[in-house]
Amino acid sequence: ALPEATAAPAPDVTSPPAAPAAASPTPATDSADAVRVQLAAFRSESQAQVASQRLQEAFHDELSGRTFHVERADLGAKGVFFRLQAGPLASRDEAAALCSRLKQRGQPCIVVAP
């Protein structure tokens, strides 16, 4: 299992147990104004990349067809975090429904929108 990940500035979230997968996060190629769901935040980009693979495998049905995005967030005195997000989603409602399904399966999730 992964150690607890600290979301920033979102609530604390954790990652599920490890499972190998071939997917990897992509750079910010999808629209910056897209609605996404944030699954976790990590202190290093490599941790976020590993978690994206594990989450894609663990939640294949929910995350199939979604692009993973790692967003760097510099929170000053709190440090730099790498937010693991999936999307884009068509609306806040669609993102909220996805988060609800993920939470029912034990995966913390928040909606992030422009």
N, C-alpha and C. Protein backbone atom coordinates (compact mmCIF):
# COMPACT_ATOMS: atom_id res chain seq x y z
N ALA A 1 0.85 -1.19 0.00
CA ALA A 1 0.00 0.00 0.00
C ALA A 1 0.88 1.23 0.00
N LEU A 2 0.38 2.27 -0.58
CA LEU A 2 1.12 3.53 -0.62
C LEU A 2 0.93 4.25 0.70
N PRO A 3 1.88 5.06 1.11
CA PRO A 3 1.69 5.87 2.31
C PRO A 3 0.61 6.91 2.04
N GLU A 4 0.07 7.44 3.10
CA GLU A 4 -0.97 8.46 2.94
C GLU A 4 -0.40 9.64 2.17
N ALA A 5 -1.16 10.12 1.22
CA ALA A 5 -0.75 11.26 0.41
C ALA A 5 -1.43 12.50 0.95
N THR A 6 -0.73 13.61 0.95
CA THR A 6 -1.31 14.83 1.45
C THR A 6 -1.80 15.68 0.29
N ALA A 7 -3.08 15.95 0.27
CA ALA A 7 -3.65 16.79 -0.77
C ALA A 7 -3.37 18.24 -0.42
N ALA A 8 -3.24 19.08 -1.43
CA ALA A 8 -2.93 20.46 -1.15
C ALA A 8 -3.55 21.35 -2.20
N PRO A 9 -4.37 22.31 -1.89
CA PRO A 9 -4.89 22.56 -0.55
C PRO A 9 -6.14 21.77 -0.25
N ALA A 10 -6.43 20.76 -1.01
CA ALA A 10 -7.60 19.91 -0.83
C ALA A 10 -7.43 19.06 0.43
N PRO A 11 -8.50 18.39 0.85
CA PRO A 11 -8.42 17.52 2.02
C PRO A 11 -7.41 16.39 1.80
N ASP A 12 -6.91 15.81 2.90
CA ASP A 12 -5.98 14.69 2.79
C ASP A 12 -6.65 13.52 2.09
N VAL A 13 -5.91 12.84 1.23
CA VAL A 13 -6.41 11.67 0.52
C VAL A 13 -5.38 10.57 0.58
N THR A 14 -5.83 9.34 0.36
CA THR A 14 -4.91 8.21 0.35
C THR A 14 -5.04 7.47 -0.96
N SER A 15 -4.09 6.64 -1.26
CA SER A 15 -4.09 5.85 -2.48
C SER A 15 -4.37 4.39 -2.13
N PRO A 16 -4.96 3.64 -3.07
CA PRO A 16 -5.23 2.23 -2.83
C PRO A 16 -3.96 1.39 -2.94
N PRO A 17 -4.03 0.10 -2.62
CA PRO A 17 -2.86 -0.77 -2.75
C PRO A 17 -2.33 -0.81 -4.17
N ALA A 18 -1.07 -1.18 -4.30
CA ALA A 18 -0.40 -1.19 -5.59
C ALA A 18 -0.97 -2.26 -6.52
N ALA A 19 -1.01 -1.91 -7.82
CA ALA A 19 -1.37 -2.86 -8.87
C ALA A 19 -0.71 -2.36 -10.15
N PRO A 20 0.05 -3.18 -10.85
CA PRO A 20 0.75 -2.72 -12.05
C PRO A 20 -0.20 -2.41 -13.20
N ALA A 21 0.19 -1.46 -14.03
CA ALA A 21 -0.60 -1.10 -15.22
C ALA A 21 0.32 -0.41 -16.21
N ALA A 22 -0.12 -0.28 -17.43
CA ALA A 22 0.70 0.31 -18.48
C ALA A 22 0.45 1.80 -18.66
N ALA A 23 -0.61 2.33 -18.06
CA ALA A 23 -0.97 3.74 -18.25
C ALA A 23 0.02 4.65 -17.54
N SER A 24 0.17 5.85 -18.05
CA SER A 24 1.00 6.84 -17.38
C SER A 24 0.36 8.20 -17.52
N PRO A 25 0.63 9.10 -16.58
CA PRO A 25 0.04 10.43 -16.68
C PRO A 25 0.63 11.17 -17.87
N THR A 26 -0.11 12.12 -18.34
CA THR A 26 0.35 12.90 -19.48
C THR A 26 0.58 14.33 -19.03
N PRO A 27 1.42 15.05 -19.72
CA PRO A 27 1.58 16.46 -19.39
C PRO A 27 0.29 17.21 -19.67
N ALA A 28 0.27 18.46 -19.34
CA ALA A 28 -0.95 19.26 -19.48
C ALA A 28 -1.29 19.49 -20.95
N THR A 29 -1.78 18.46 -21.60
CA THR A 29 -2.14 18.59 -23.00
C THR A 29 -3.63 18.82 -23.17
N ASP A 30 -4.43 18.37 -22.18
CA ASP A 30 -5.85 18.66 -22.29
C ASP A 30 -6.09 20.08 -21.79
N SER A 31 -7.24 20.61 -22.07
CA SER A 31 -7.54 22.00 -21.80
C SER A 31 -7.35 22.36 -20.33
N ALA A 32 -6.70 23.48 -20.08
CA ALA A 32 -6.47 23.93 -18.72
C ALA A 32 -7.77 24.28 -18.02
N ASP A 33 -8.83 24.53 -18.78
CA ASP A 33 -10.10 24.89 -18.17
C ASP A 33 -11.05 23.70 -18.07
N ALA A 34 -10.52 22.48 -18.20
CA ALA A 34 -11.35 21.27 -18.13
C ALA A 34 -11.68 20.92 -16.68
N VAL A 35 -12.87 20.34 -16.50
CA VAL A 35 -13.25 19.80 -15.20
C VAL A 35 -12.54 18.46 -15.04
N ARG A 36 -11.93 18.25 -13.87
CA ARG A 36 -11.23 17.00 -13.58
C ARG A 36 -11.61 16.53 -12.18
N VAL A 37 -11.18 15.32 -11.85
CA VAL A 37 -11.27 14.84 -10.48
C VAL A 37 -9.86 14.67 -9.96
N GLN A 38 -9.63 15.13 -8.74
CA GLN A 38 -8.31 14.96 -8.11
C GLN A 38 -8.37 13.73 -7.23
N LEU A 39 -7.43 12.83 -7.45
CA LEU A 39 -7.41 11.55 -6.76
C LEU A 39 -6.42 11.51 -5.60
N ALA A 40 -5.37 12.30 -5.68
CA ALA A 40 -4.35 12.32 -4.63
C ALA A 40 -3.37 13.43 -4.93
N ALA A 41 -2.50 13.72 -3.97
CA ALA A 41 -1.41 14.67 -4.16
C ALA A 41 -0.17 14.11 -3.46
N PHE A 42 0.97 14.32 -4.08
CA PHE A 42 2.21 13.72 -3.61
C PHE A 42 3.31 14.77 -3.56
N ARG A 43 4.37 14.45 -2.84
CA ARG A 43 5.53 15.33 -2.74
C ARG A 43 6.45 15.23 -3.95
N SER A 44 6.33 14.16 -4.73
CA SER A 44 7.17 14.04 -5.92
C SER A 44 6.33 13.64 -7.12
N GLU A 45 6.79 14.07 -8.29
CA GLU A 45 6.11 13.73 -9.53
C GLU A 45 6.17 12.22 -9.79
N SER A 46 7.29 11.60 -9.43
CA SER A 46 7.41 10.16 -9.67
C SER A 46 6.40 9.37 -8.83
N GLN A 47 6.13 9.80 -7.60
CA GLN A 47 5.11 9.15 -6.79
C GLN A 47 3.74 9.27 -7.47
N ALA A 48 3.45 10.43 -8.02
CA ALA A 48 2.17 10.64 -8.71
C ALA A 48 2.06 9.74 -9.93
N GLN A 49 3.15 9.59 -10.66
CA GLN A 49 3.14 8.74 -11.85
C GLN A 49 2.89 7.28 -11.48
N VAL A 50 3.54 6.81 -10.44
CA VAL A 50 3.34 5.43 -10.00
C VAL A 50 1.89 5.24 -9.55
N ALA A 51 1.37 6.19 -8.80
CA ALA A 51 -0.02 6.09 -8.32
C ALA A 51 -1.01 6.10 -9.48
N SER A 52 -0.72 6.86 -10.54
CA SER A 52 -1.65 6.90 -11.68
C SER A 52 -1.79 5.51 -12.29
N GLN A 53 -0.70 4.79 -12.38
CA GLN A 53 -0.74 3.43 -12.93
C GLN A 53 -1.57 2.52 -12.02
N ARG A 54 -1.35 2.63 -10.75
CA ARG A 54 -2.07 1.79 -9.79
C ARG A 54 -3.56 2.11 -9.78
N LEU A 55 -3.90 3.37 -9.82
CA LEU A 55 -5.31 3.76 -9.81
C LEU A 55 -6.01 3.35 -11.10
N GLN A 56 -5.33 3.48 -12.22
CA GLN A 56 -5.92 3.08 -13.51
C GLN A 56 -6.28 1.60 -13.45
N GLU A 57 -5.41 0.79 -12.87
CA GLU A 57 -5.67 -0.64 -12.76
C GLU A 57 -6.78 -0.93 -11.75
N ALA A 58 -6.69 -0.31 -10.58
CA ALA A 58 -7.64 -0.58 -9.50
C ALA A 58 -9.05 -0.11 -9.83
N PHE A 59 -9.16 0.98 -10.59
CA PHE A 59 -10.47 1.58 -10.90
C PHE A 59 -10.67 1.68 -12.40
N HIS A 60 -10.32 0.59 -13.09
CA HIS A 60 -10.39 0.58 -14.55
C HIS A 60 -11.77 0.98 -15.07
N ASP A 61 -12.83 0.41 -14.50
CA ASP A 61 -14.18 0.71 -15.00
C ASP A 61 -14.51 2.20 -14.86
N GLU A 62 -14.15 2.79 -13.74
CA GLU A 62 -14.48 4.19 -13.49
C GLU A 62 -13.58 5.15 -14.27
N LEU A 63 -12.32 4.78 -14.46
CA LEU A 63 -11.35 5.71 -15.06
C LEU A 63 -11.01 5.40 -16.51
N SER A 64 -11.63 4.38 -17.08
CA SER A 64 -11.37 4.02 -18.47
C SER A 64 -11.66 5.20 -19.39
N GLY A 65 -10.73 5.48 -20.28
CA GLY A 65 -10.90 6.58 -21.22
C GLY A 65 -10.52 7.94 -20.68
N ARG A 66 -10.15 8.02 -19.43
CA ARG A 66 -9.74 9.30 -18.82
C ARG A 66 -8.24 9.47 -18.97
N THR A 67 -7.83 10.69 -19.12
CA THR A 67 -6.41 11.03 -19.19
C THR A 67 -5.95 11.45 -17.80
N PHE A 68 -4.83 10.90 -17.37
CA PHE A 68 -4.25 11.32 -16.09
C PHE A 68 -3.38 12.55 -16.33
N HIS A 69 -3.43 13.44 -15.37
CA HIS A 69 -2.72 14.71 -15.45
C HIS A 69 -2.05 14.94 -14.10
N VAL A 70 -0.78 15.28 -14.11
CA VAL A 70 -0.08 15.63 -12.88
C VAL A 70 0.14 17.13 -12.90
N GLU A 71 -0.45 17.81 -11.92
CA GLU A 71 -0.35 19.27 -11.83
C GLU A 71 0.58 19.65 -10.68
N ARG A 72 1.58 20.45 -10.98
CA ARG A 72 2.51 20.92 -9.96
C ARG A 72 1.87 22.09 -9.24
N ALA A 73 1.89 22.05 -7.91
CA ALA A 73 1.32 23.13 -7.11
C ALA A 73 2.35 23.57 -6.07
N ASP A 74 2.83 24.80 -6.20
CA ASP A 74 3.78 25.35 -5.24
C ASP A 74 2.99 26.10 -4.18
N LEU A 75 2.97 25.56 -2.97
CA LEU A 75 2.19 26.15 -1.88
C LEU A 75 3.06 26.93 -0.90
N GLY A 76 4.12 27.51 -1.41
CA GLY A 76 4.98 28.35 -0.58
C GLY A 76 5.60 27.58 0.56
N ALA A 77 5.30 28.02 1.79
CA ALA A 77 5.90 27.42 2.98
C ALA A 77 5.52 25.95 3.15
N LYS A 78 4.39 25.54 2.60
CA LYS A 78 3.97 24.13 2.70
C LYS A 78 4.74 23.24 1.73
N GLY A 79 5.37 23.84 0.74
CA GLY A 79 6.15 23.07 -0.21
C GLY A 79 5.44 22.85 -1.53
N VAL A 80 6.06 22.03 -2.36
CA VAL A 80 5.53 21.71 -3.69
C VAL A 80 4.83 20.36 -3.63
N PHE A 81 3.65 20.30 -4.22
CA PHE A 81 2.89 19.06 -4.32
C PHE A 81 2.60 18.78 -5.78
N PHE A 82 2.41 17.51 -6.08
CA PHE A 82 2.05 17.08 -7.43
C PHE A 82 0.69 16.42 -7.34
N ARG A 83 -0.30 17.12 -7.88
CA ARG A 83 -1.70 16.69 -7.79
C ARG A 83 -2.03 15.74 -8.93
N LEU A 84 -2.51 14.57 -8.58
CA LEU A 84 -2.89 13.57 -9.57
C LEU A 84 -4.37 13.74 -9.89
N GLN A 85 -4.65 14.07 -11.15
CA GLN A 85 -6.02 14.32 -11.58
C GLN A 85 -6.35 13.47 -12.79
N ALA A 86 -7.64 13.21 -12.98
CA ALA A 86 -8.12 12.46 -14.15
C ALA A 86 -9.24 13.26 -14.79
N GLY A 87 -9.31 13.20 -16.10
CA GLY A 87 -10.34 13.93 -16.82
C GLY A 87 -10.01 13.90 -18.30
N PRO A 88 -10.47 14.82 -19.07
CA PRO A 88 -11.44 15.84 -18.68
C PRO A 88 -12.85 15.24 -18.61
N LEU A 89 -13.70 15.92 -17.85
CA LEU A 89 -15.11 15.53 -17.76
C LEU A 89 -15.95 16.67 -18.33
N ALA A 90 -17.12 16.33 -18.81
CA ALA A 90 -17.96 17.30 -19.52
C ALA A 90 -18.53 18.37 -18.60
N SER A 91 -18.73 18.05 -17.32
CA SER A 91 -19.36 19.01 -16.42
C SER A 91 -19.00 18.68 -14.97
N ARG A 92 -19.30 19.62 -14.09
CA ARG A 92 -19.12 19.39 -12.66
C ARG A 92 -20.00 18.22 -12.19
N ASP A 93 -21.21 18.14 -12.74
CA ASP A 93 -22.12 17.05 -12.37
C ASP A 93 -21.53 15.70 -12.73
N GLU A 94 -20.95 15.59 -13.92
CA GLU A 94 -20.33 14.33 -14.34
C GLU A 94 -19.14 14.00 -13.43
N ALA A 95 -18.36 15.01 -13.09
CA ALA A 95 -17.21 14.81 -12.20
C ALA A 95 -17.68 14.39 -10.81
N ALA A 96 -18.73 15.02 -10.31
CA ALA A 96 -19.26 14.67 -8.99
C ALA A 96 -19.77 13.24 -8.98
N ALA A 97 -20.41 12.81 -10.06
CA ALA A 97 -20.91 11.43 -10.15
C ALA A 97 -19.74 10.45 -10.16
N LEU A 98 -18.66 10.78 -10.88
CA LEU A 98 -17.48 9.93 -10.91
C LEU A 98 -16.87 9.85 -9.51
N CYS A 99 -16.73 10.98 -8.84
CA CYS A 99 -16.18 10.99 -7.48
C CYS A 99 -17.04 10.13 -6.55
N SER A 100 -18.33 10.22 -6.69
CA SER A 100 -19.23 9.44 -5.85
C SER A 100 -18.97 7.94 -6.04
N ARG A 101 -18.83 7.51 -7.29
CA ARG A 101 -18.55 6.09 -7.56
C ARG A 101 -17.19 5.68 -6.99
N LEU A 102 -16.19 6.54 -7.14
CA LEU A 102 -14.86 6.22 -6.61
C LEU A 102 -14.89 6.15 -5.08
N LYS A 103 -15.57 7.08 -4.45
CA LYS A 103 -15.66 7.09 -2.98
C LYS A 103 -16.36 5.84 -2.47
N GLN A 104 -17.39 5.38 -3.19
CA GLN A 104 -18.09 4.16 -2.79
C GLN A 104 -17.14 2.97 -2.80
N ARG A 105 -16.11 3.04 -3.61
CA ARG A 105 -15.12 1.95 -3.70
C ARG A 105 -13.88 2.23 -2.85
N GLY A 106 -13.92 3.30 -2.03
CA GLY A 106 -12.84 3.57 -1.10
C GLY A 106 -11.76 4.52 -1.58
N GLN A 107 -11.96 5.16 -2.73
CA GLN A 107 -10.96 6.09 -3.25
C GLN A 107 -11.39 7.53 -3.00
N PRO A 108 -10.66 8.27 -2.15
CA PRO A 108 -10.97 9.68 -1.97
C PRO A 108 -10.87 10.43 -3.30
N CYS A 109 -11.66 11.47 -3.43
CA CYS A 109 -11.75 12.17 -4.71
C CYS A 109 -12.38 13.53 -4.48
N ILE A 110 -11.90 14.55 -5.19
CA ILE A 110 -12.56 15.85 -5.18
C ILE A 110 -12.67 16.35 -6.62
N VAL A 111 -13.68 17.17 -6.86
CA VAL A 111 -13.87 17.78 -8.17
C VAL A 111 -13.01 19.02 -8.24
N VAL A 112 -12.26 19.17 -9.33
CA VAL A 112 -11.49 20.38 -9.57
C VAL A 112 -11.93 20.96 -10.90
N ALA A 113 -12.26 22.23 -10.87
CA ALA A 113 -12.75 22.90 -12.07
C ALA A 113 -12.12 24.27 -12.14
N PRO A 114 -12.09 24.82 -13.34
CA PRO A 114 -11.48 26.15 -13.51
C PRO A 114 -12.22 27.22 -12.72
